Amino acid sequence: MTSVKDWFLEPGAGLGCLFFGPPEDDLITGLVKGAGERGWSVLVANGLAADDHRGAGRELETGLKRLAQVQDVEDTPLVLVGVGTPGTAAFLQACRSKRVAALAVIDVPLILEDLDVQRPVQPLEMLLNLEAPLLRVESTDPAAIGSQQSQLVGLQLDACARIHESHSIPSDDLRAPLVLSLLETFLSNHLESFR
């Protein structure tokens, strides 16, 4: 496990993004590069035990605090981006944190088949605690998330009256430029401070 102070940090202005996903993931790498090119501050979480939701959540919160303290990010929105199975911990932390202005999840399971000591909470049950707007992107053909789970999550988001947007994109088209474009549009529609 690495320390938050060892995570890759690229200071910028106007927006701060904390990314958490599988190590060496091409999508994460592309998102980080694209966010940096837009001038956003970028922090990349690594070395976290993704199956330890509580431990990963504590480290992510420390990362959000560090990102908020970057000089050019002071008083600007912080976006938490979770990718794949590790992104479940990012979703859960966004449900607990007051620092997250927006949340984006890409192919993140929000219904777990098994709970245990390290994963004691069903993510979808935390949805009522989510105050940040949520952008949800899921790949199709093949689908990373089962269609029943995807539909149930969509129904729960609507039932809880959460600000959200969901996109299904063919796996071959799910690339960083498209996701960043969706994220920019989403933020400009739902974050006053981003407009």
C-alpha atoms as a PDB file:
ATOM      1  CA  MET A   1       0.000   0.000   0.000  1.00  0.00           C
ATOM      2  CA  THR A   2       1.375   3.394  -0.988  1.00  0.00           C
ATOM      3  CA  SER A   3       1.010   6.664   0.858  1.00  0.00           C
ATOM      4  CA  VAL A   4      -1.225   9.397  -0.546  1.00  0.00           C
ATOM      5  CA  LYS A   5       1.806  11.704  -0.694  1.00  0.00           C
ATOM      6  CA  ASP A   6       3.373   9.237  -3.181  1.00  0.00           C
ATOM      7  CA  TRP A   7       0.404   9.312  -5.583  1.00  0.00           C
ATOM      8  CA  PHE A   8       0.911  10.980  -8.955  1.00  0.00           C
ATOM      9  CA  LEU A   9      -0.136  14.638  -8.675  1.00  0.00           C
ATOM     10  CA  GLU A  10      -0.262  17.167 -11.483  1.00  0.00           C
ATOM     11  CA  PRO A  11      -1.406  20.613 -10.286  1.00  0.00           C
ATOM     12  CA  GLY A  12      -3.705  22.626 -12.514  1.00  0.00           C
ATOM     13  CA  ALA A  13      -6.547  25.102 -12.203  1.00  0.00           C
ATOM     14  CA  GLY A  14     -10.318  25.229 -12.253  1.00  0.00           C
ATOM     15  CA  LEU A  15     -11.081  21.647 -11.321  1.00  0.00           C
ATOM     16  CA  GLY A  16      -9.501  18.857  -9.308  1.00  0.00           C
ATOM     17  CA  CYS A  17      -9.925  15.200 -10.295  1.00  0.00           C
ATOM     18  CA  LEU A  18      -9.038  12.172  -8.199  1.00  0.00           C
ATOM     19  CA  PHE A  19      -8.904   8.989 -10.294  1.00  0.00           C
ATOM     20  CA  PHE A  20      -9.103   5.459  -8.893  1.00  0.00           C
ATOM     21  CA  GLY A  21      -9.200   2.289 -10.947  1.00  0.00           C
ATOM     22  CA  PRO A  22      -7.234  -0.794 -11.892  1.00  0.00           C
ATOM     23  CA  PRO A  23      -3.458  -0.271 -11.938  1.00  0.00           C
ATOM     24  CA  GLU A  24      -1.926   0.189 -15.395  1.00  0.00           C
ATOM     25  CA  ASP A  25      -5.422   0.625 -16.897  1.00  0.00           C
ATOM     26  CA  ASP A  26      -5.413   2.237 -20.370  1.00  0.00           C
ATOM     27  CA  LEU A  27      -8.659   4.112 -19.719  1.00  0.00           C
ATOM     28  CA  ILE A  28      -7.333   5.614 -16.467  1.00  0.00           C
ATOM     29  CA  THR A  29      -4.076   6.563 -18.201  1.00  0.00           C
ATOM     30  CA  GLY A  30      -5.999   8.284 -21.006  1.00  0.00           C
ATOM     31  CA  LEU A  31      -8.347  10.073 -18.608  1.00  0.00           C
ATOM     32  CA  VAL A  32      -5.438  11.358 -16.517  1.00  0.00           C
ATOM     33  CA  LYS A  33      -3.608  12.590 -19.612  1.00  0.00           C
ATOM     34  CA  GLY A  34      -6.734  14.254 -21.021  1.00  0.00           C
ATOM     35  CA  ALA A  35      -7.612  15.920 -17.713  1.00  0.00           C
ATOM     36  CA  GLY A  36      -4.053  17.262 -17.442  1.00  0.00           C
ATOM     37  CA  GLU A  37      -4.241  18.613 -21.000  1.00  0.00           C
ATOM     38  CA  ARG A  38      -7.404  20.493 -20.003  1.00  0.00           C
ATOM     39  CA  GLY A  39      -5.442  22.136 -17.207  1.00  0.00           C
ATOM     40  CA  TRP A  40      -7.255  20.334 -14.402  1.00  0.00           C
ATOM     41  CA  SER A  41      -5.424  19.251 -11.272  1.00  0.00           C
ATOM     42  CA  VAL A  42      -5.037  15.490 -11.292  1.00  0.00           C
ATOM     43  CA  LEU A  43      -4.350  13.032  -8.480  1.00  0.00           C
ATOM     44  CA  VAL A  44      -4.144   9.304  -9.212  1.00  0.00           C
ATOM     45  CA  ALA A  45      -4.795   6.857  -6.375  1.00  0.00           C
ATOM     46  CA  ASN A  46      -2.643   3.764  -6.475  1.00  0.00           C
ATOM     47  CA  GLY A  47      -1.597   0.968  -4.186  1.00  0.00           C
ATOM     48  CA  LEU A  48      -4.997   0.763  -2.475  1.00  0.00           C
ATOM     49  CA  ALA A  49      -6.559  -2.550  -1.560  1.00  0.00           C
ATOM     50  CA  ALA A  50      -9.668  -2.147  -3.720  1.00  0.00           C
ATOM     51  CA  ASP A  51     -11.474  -4.955  -1.866  1.00  0.00           C
ATOM     52  CA  ASP A  52     -11.054  -3.135   1.453  1.00  0.00           C
ATOM     53  CA  HIS A  53     -13.747  -0.526   0.943  1.00  0.00           C
ATOM     54  CA  ARG A  54     -13.303   1.140   4.332  1.00  0.00           C
ATOM     55  CA  GLY A  55      -9.505   1.360   4.089  1.00  0.00           C
ATOM     56  CA  ALA A  56      -9.594   2.525   0.474  1.00  0.00           C
ATOM     57  CA  GLY A  57     -12.258   5.074   1.400  1.00  0.00           C
ATOM     58  CA  ARG A  58     -10.093   6.569   4.141  1.00  0.00           C
ATOM     59  CA  GLU A  59      -7.174   6.882   1.731  1.00  0.00           C
ATOM     60  CA  LEU A  60      -9.399   8.404  -0.958  1.00  0.00           C
ATOM     61  CA  GLU A  61     -10.666  10.991   1.528  1.00  0.00           C
ATOM     62  CA  THR A  62      -7.062  11.843   2.419  1.00  0.00           C
ATOM     63  CA  GLY A  63      -6.389  12.160  -1.319  1.00  0.00           C
ATOM     64  CA  LEU A  64      -9.354  14.524  -1.725  1.00  0.00           C
ATOM     65  CA  LYS A  65      -8.012  16.616   1.143  1.00  0.00           C
ATOM     66  CA  ARG A  66      -4.582  16.736  -0.504  1.00  0.00           C
ATOM     67  CA  LEU A  67      -6.138  17.707  -3.834  1.00  0.00           C
ATOM     68  CA  ALA A  68      -8.151  20.475  -2.152  1.00  0.00           C
ATOM     69  CA  GLN A  69      -4.952  21.866  -0.664  1.00  0.00           C
ATOM     70  CA  VAL A  70      -3.211  22.202  -4.021  1.00  0.00           C
ATOM     71  CA  GLN A  71      -2.827  25.943  -4.423  1.00  0.00           C
ATOM     72  CA  ASP A  72      -4.668  26.254  -7.735  1.00  0.00           C
ATOM     73  CA  VAL A  73      -7.520  24.007  -6.652  1.00  0.00           C
ATOM     74  CA  GLU A  74      -8.445  25.885  -3.471  1.00  0.00           C
ATOM     75  CA  ASP A  75     -12.241  26.400  -3.364  1.00  0.00           C
ATOM     76  CA  THR A  76     -12.792  24.711  -6.728  1.00  0.00           C
ATOM     77  CA  PRO A  77     -14.873  21.598  -7.347  1.00  0.00           C
ATOM     78  CA  LEU A  78     -13.398  18.158  -6.745  1.00  0.00           C
ATOM     79  CA  VAL A  79     -14.474  15.290  -8.958  1.00  0.00           C
ATOM     80  CA  LEU A  80     -13.981  11.677  -7.941  1.00  0.00           C
ATOM     81  CA  VAL A  81     -13.673   9.251 -10.871  1.00  0.00           C
ATOM     82  CA  GLY A  82     -13.880   5.499 -10.286  1.00  0.00           C
ATOM     83  CA  VAL A  83     -13.183   2.875 -12.928  1.00  0.00           C
ATOM     84  CA  GLY A  84     -13.939  -0.853 -12.810  1.00  0.00           C
ATOM     85  CA  THR A  85     -14.209  -2.917  -9.652  1.00  0.00           C
ATOM     86  CA  PRO A  86     -11.931  -0.581  -7.618  1.00  0.00           C
ATOM     87  CA  GLY A  87     -14.365   2.211  -8.459  1.00  0.00           C
ATOM     88  CA  THR A  88     -16.884   0.708  -6.045  1.00  0.00           C
ATOM     89  CA  ALA A  89     -14.774   2.090  -3.181  1.00  0.00           C
ATOM     90  CA  ALA A  90     -14.804   5.505  -4.906  1.00  0.00           C
ATOM     91  CA  PHE A  91     -18.612   5.393  -5.142  1.00  0.00           C
ATOM     92  CA  LEU A  92     -18.915   4.506  -1.465  1.00  0.00           C
ATOM     93  CA  GLN A  93     -16.536   7.285  -0.434  1.00  0.00           C
ATOM     94  CA  ALA A  94     -18.453   9.832  -2.516  1.00  0.00           C
ATOM     95  CA  CYS A  95     -21.543   8.803  -0.533  1.00  0.00           C
ATOM     96  CA  ARG A  96     -19.684   9.678   2.697  1.00  0.00           C
ATOM     97  CA  SER A  97     -17.603  12.690   1.701  1.00  0.00           C
ATOM     98  CA  LYS A  98     -18.563  16.358   1.786  1.00  0.00           C
ATOM     99  CA  ARG A  99     -15.581  17.201  -0.465  1.00  0.00           C
ATOM    100  CA  VAL A 100     -16.911  15.525  -3.635  1.00  0.00           C
ATOM    101  CA  ALA A 101     -18.700  17.971  -5.944  1.00  0.00           C
ATOM    102  CA  ALA A 102     -19.323  15.353  -8.658  1.00  0.00           C
ATOM    103  CA  LEU A 103     -18.803  11.631  -9.132  1.00  0.00           C
ATOM    104  CA  ALA A 104     -18.139   9.689 -12.327  1.00  0.00           C
ATOM    105  CA  VAL A 105     -18.148   5.884 -12.407  1.00  0.00           C
ATOM    106  CA  ILE A 106     -17.153   3.801 -15.415  1.00  0.00           C
ATOM    107  CA  ASP A 107     -18.059   0.095 -15.372  1.00  0.00           C
ATOM    108  CA  VAL A 108     -18.342   0.179 -11.581  1.00  0.00           C
ATOM    109  CA  PRO A 109     -20.400  -2.564  -9.908  1.00  0.00           C
ATOM    110  CA  LEU A 110     -22.845  -1.060  -7.410  1.00  0.00           C
ATOM    111  CA  ILE A 111     -24.432  -4.360  -6.371  1.00  0.00           C
ATOM    112  CA  LEU A 112     -22.088  -6.881  -4.779  1.00  0.00           C
ATOM    113  CA  GLU A 113     -22.802 -10.595  -4.759  1.00  0.00           C
ATOM    114  CA  ASP A 114     -20.989 -11.180  -1.473  1.00  0.00           C
ATOM    115  CA  LEU A 115     -20.399  -8.942   1.520  1.00  0.00           C
ATOM    116  CA  ASP A 116     -17.680  -9.513   4.109  1.00  0.00           C
ATOM    117  CA  VAL A 117     -15.680  -7.678   6.771  1.00  0.00           C
ATOM    118  CA  GLN A 118     -13.805  -5.584   4.205  1.00  0.00           C
ATOM    119  CA  ARG A 119     -16.892  -5.014   2.066  1.00  0.00           C
ATOM    120  CA  PRO A 120     -19.667  -4.751   4.672  1.00  0.00           C
ATOM    121  CA  VAL A 121     -22.035  -2.417   2.801  1.00  0.00           C
ATOM    122  CA  GLN A 122     -24.058  -2.938  -0.347  1.00  0.00           C
ATOM    123  CA  PRO A 123     -23.093   0.146  -2.442  1.00  0.00           C
ATOM    124  CA  LEU A 124     -26.559   0.741  -3.854  1.00  0.00           C
ATOM    125  CA  GLU A 125     -27.927   0.993  -0.301  1.00  0.00           C
ATOM    126  CA  MET A 126     -25.673   4.028   0.242  1.00  0.00           C
ATOM    127  CA  LEU A 127     -27.274   5.896  -2.641  1.00  0.00           C
ATOM    128  CA  LEU A 128     -29.494   7.948  -0.323  1.00  0.00           C
ATOM    129  CA  ASN A 129     -26.320   9.464   1.140  1.00  0.00           C
ATOM    130  CA  LEU A 130     -24.962  10.580  -2.246  1.00  0.00           C
ATOM    131  CA  GLU A 131     -25.238  14.340  -2.558  1.00  0.00           C
ATOM    132  CA  ALA A 132     -22.970  14.803  -5.575  1.00  0.00           C
ATOM    133  CA  PRO A 133     -24.292  14.551  -9.138  1.00  0.00           C
ATOM    134  CA  LEU A 134     -23.427  11.158 -10.659  1.00  0.00           C
ATOM    135  CA  LEU A 135     -22.235  10.379 -14.181  1.00  0.00           C
ATOM    136  CA  ARG A 136     -22.473   6.639 -14.856  1.00  0.00           C
ATOM    137  CA  VAL A 137     -20.887   5.097 -17.947  1.00  0.00           C
ATOM    138  CA  GLU A 138     -21.203   1.400 -18.748  1.00  0.00           C
ATOM    139  CA  SER A 139     -19.705  -0.557 -21.600  1.00  0.00           C
ATOM    140  CA  THR A 140     -21.748  -2.928 -23.746  1.00  0.00           C
ATOM    141  CA  ASP A 141     -20.935  -5.676 -26.278  1.00  0.00           C
ATOM    142  CA  PRO A 142     -19.625  -7.227 -24.063  1.00  0.00           C
ATOM    143  CA  ALA A 143     -21.143  -5.625 -20.985  1.00  0.00           C
ATOM    144  CA  ALA A 144     -18.958  -5.187 -17.914  1.00  0.00           C
ATOM    145  CA  ILE A 145     -22.068  -4.900 -15.717  1.00  0.00           C
ATOM    146  CA  GLY A 146     -25.027  -7.263 -16.070  1.00  0.00           C
ATOM    147  CA  SER A 147     -28.129  -5.748 -17.673  1.00  0.00           C
ATOM    148  CA  GLN A 148     -30.311  -6.553 -14.642  1.00  0.00           C
ATOM    149  CA  GLN A 149     -27.877  -4.743 -12.335  1.00  0.00           C
ATOM    150  CA  SER A 150     -27.684  -1.801 -14.713  1.00  0.00           C
ATOM    151  CA  GLN A 151     -31.475  -1.480 -14.864  1.00  0.00           C
ATOM    152  CA  LEU A 152     -31.840  -1.794 -11.089  1.00  0.00           C
ATOM    153  CA  VAL A 153     -29.220   0.915 -10.499  1.00  0.00           C
ATOM    154  CA  GLY A 154     -31.010   3.211 -12.964  1.00  0.00           C
ATOM    155  CA  LEU A 155     -34.352   2.615 -11.239  1.00  0.00           C
ATOM    156  CA  GLN A 156     -32.839   3.297  -7.811  1.00  0.00           C
ATOM    157  CA  LEU A 157     -31.228   6.530  -9.024  1.00  0.00           C
ATOM    158  CA  ASP A 158     -34.592   7.704 -10.342  1.00  0.00           C
ATOM    159  CA  ALA A 159     -36.446   6.565  -7.216  1.00  0.00           C
ATOM    160  CA  CYS A 160     -33.996   8.407  -4.957  1.00  0.00           C
ATOM    161  CA  ALA A 161     -34.306  11.518  -7.148  1.00  0.00           C
ATOM    162  CA  ARG A 162     -30.542  11.822  -7.460  1.00  0.00           C
ATOM    163  CA  ILE A 163     -29.007  14.029 -10.122  1.00  0.00           C
ATOM    164  CA  HIS A 164     -27.561  11.523 -12.536  1.00  0.00           C
ATOM    165  CA  GLU A 165     -26.840  10.749 -16.124  1.00  0.00           C
ATOM    166  CA  SER A 166     -26.201   7.279 -17.523  1.00  0.00           C
ATOM    167  CA  HIS A 167     -24.591   6.248 -20.802  1.00  0.00           C
ATOM    168  CA  SER A 168     -24.176   2.817 -22.393  1.00  0.00           C
ATOM    169  CA  ILE A 169     -21.288   2.717 -24.848  1.00  0.00           C
ATOM    170  CA  PRO A 170     -19.992  -0.210 -26.921  1.00  0.00           C
ATOM    171  CA  SER A 171     -16.757  -1.518 -25.388  1.00  0.00           C
ATOM    172  CA  ASP A 172     -14.792  -0.796 -28.560  1.00  0.00           C
ATOM    173  CA  ASP A 173     -15.810   2.888 -28.368  1.00  0.00           C
ATOM    174  CA  LEU A 174     -15.224   3.365 -24.642  1.00  0.00           C
ATOM    175  CA  ARG A 175     -12.102   5.517 -24.798  1.00  0.00           C
ATOM    176  CA  ALA A 176     -10.800   8.393 -22.702  1.00  0.00           C
ATOM    177  CA  PRO A 177     -11.639  11.222 -25.171  1.00  0.00           C
ATOM    178  CA  LEU A 178     -15.312  10.185 -25.269  1.00  0.00           C
ATOM    179  CA  VAL A 179     -15.538   9.769 -21.487  1.00  0.00           C
ATOM    180  CA  LEU A 180     -13.850  13.149 -20.908  1.00  0.00           C
ATOM    181  CA  SER A 181     -16.252  14.791 -23.349  1.00  0.00           C
ATOM    182  CA  LEU A 182     -19.206  13.262 -21.486  1.00  0.00           C
ATOM    183  CA  LEU A 183     -17.690  14.391 -18.176  1.00  0.00           C
ATOM    184  CA  GLU A 184     -17.156  17.978 -19.359  1.00  0.00           C
ATOM    185  CA  THR A 185     -20.727  18.230 -20.632  1.00  0.00           C
ATOM    186  CA  PHE A 186     -22.064  16.675 -17.441  1.00  0.00           C
ATOM    187  CA  LEU A 187     -20.085  19.061 -15.223  1.00  0.00           C
ATOM    188  CA  SER A 188     -21.127  22.120 -17.204  1.00  0.00           C
ATOM    189  CA  ASN A 189     -24.775  21.019 -16.909  1.00  0.00           C
ATOM    190  CA  HIS A 190     -24.722  20.178 -13.201  1.00  0.00           C
ATOM    191  CA  LEU A 191     -21.932  22.174 -11.500  1.00  0.00           C
ATOM    192  CA  GLU A 192     -22.501  25.889 -11.396  1.00  0.00           C
ATOM    193  CA  SER A 193     -18.859  26.528 -10.475  1.00  0.00           C
ATOM    194  CA  PHE A 194     -17.690  24.686 -13.624  1.00  0.00           C
ATOM    195  CA  ARG A 195     -19.663  26.739 -16.149  1.00  0.00           C
END
